[in-house]
Amino acid sequence: MKKINMTEASTIVGGTTTCVNSFELNLVGNTTVCNAVKTCTDKNGVVTKTFTAAAIINCGSVG
């Protein structure tokens, strides 16, 4: 039996999920809205995004 380190074990058993937070400016109808976006990638490369309303000032200038 081969001994493995914690990094190797985590990719086999539970893996790691990495997340990045950002802001995204969107146009909904005639209204410009700002969303906080949390983008997470799991150990298998599956990407999930969570959108939450945010203050327009967080998205910077329009256009």
Protein backbone atom coordinates (compact mmCIF):
# COMPACT_ATOMS: atom_id res chain seq x y z
CA MET A 1 0.00 0.00 0.00
CA LYS A 2 1.30 3.45 -0.96
CA LYS A 3 1.25 6.34 1.51
CA ILE A 4 -0.20 9.57 0.14
CA ASN A 5 -0.11 13.14 1.38
CA MET A 6 -3.12 15.34 2.28
CA THR A 7 -3.22 17.07 -1.11
CA GLU A 8 -3.43 13.75 -2.92
CA ALA A 9 -6.05 12.47 -0.49
CA SER A 10 -8.26 15.53 -0.87
CA THR A 11 -8.39 15.14 -4.65
CA ILE A 12 -9.41 11.50 -4.27
CA VAL A 13 -11.86 11.72 -1.37
CA GLY A 14 -13.46 15.12 -1.08
CA GLY A 15 -11.53 17.31 -3.43
CA THR A 16 -11.37 21.02 -3.20
CA THR A 17 -13.79 23.68 -4.33
CA THR A 18 -12.40 27.04 -5.32
CA CYS A 19 -14.57 30.14 -5.42
CA VAL A 20 -14.10 33.61 -6.90
CA ASN A 21 -16.25 36.64 -6.04
CA SER A 22 -16.88 39.36 -8.61
CA PHE A 23 -19.44 41.93 -9.70
CA GLU A 24 -21.34 41.86 -12.97
CA LEU A 25 -23.29 44.63 -14.67
CA ASN A 26 -26.41 43.44 -16.55
CA LEU A 27 -29.18 45.05 -18.55
CA VAL A 28 -32.65 43.78 -17.61
CA GLY A 29 -35.21 45.34 -19.93
CA ASN A 30 -34.37 49.06 -19.75
CA THR A 31 -32.79 48.83 -16.29
CA THR A 32 -29.11 48.38 -15.51
CA VAL A 33 -28.56 46.13 -12.48
CA CYS A 34 -25.48 45.07 -10.56
CA ASN A 35 -25.03 41.53 -9.25
CA ALA A 36 -22.47 40.05 -6.90
CA VAL A 37 -21.41 36.79 -8.56
CA LYS A 38 -19.85 33.88 -6.67
CA THR A 39 -18.31 31.43 -9.16
CA CYS A 40 -17.23 28.08 -7.71
CA THR A 41 -15.43 25.20 -9.42
CA ASP A 42 -15.36 21.77 -7.79
CA LYS A 43 -12.65 19.10 -8.15
CA ASN A 44 -14.33 17.73 -11.28
CA GLY A 45 -14.41 21.10 -13.03
CA VAL A 46 -18.13 21.66 -12.54
CA VAL A 47 -18.81 25.41 -12.36
CA THR A 48 -21.69 26.91 -10.36
CA LYS A 49 -22.62 30.57 -10.16
CA THR A 50 -24.67 32.32 -7.48
CA PHE A 51 -26.08 35.78 -8.21
CA THR A 52 -27.04 38.27 -5.48
CA ALA A 53 -28.30 41.81 -6.03
CA ALA A 54 -25.67 44.43 -5.20
CA ALA A 55 -25.41 48.22 -5.09
CA ILE A 56 -24.78 49.68 -8.56
CA ILE A 57 -21.67 51.49 -7.29
CA ASN A 58 -19.93 48.09 -6.88
CA CYS A 59 -20.03 47.48 -10.63
CA GLY A 60 -18.21 50.64 -11.67
CA SER A 61 -19.27 52.94 -14.48
CA VAL A 62 -21.78 52.00 -17.16
CA GLY A 63 -20.61 51.69 -20.74
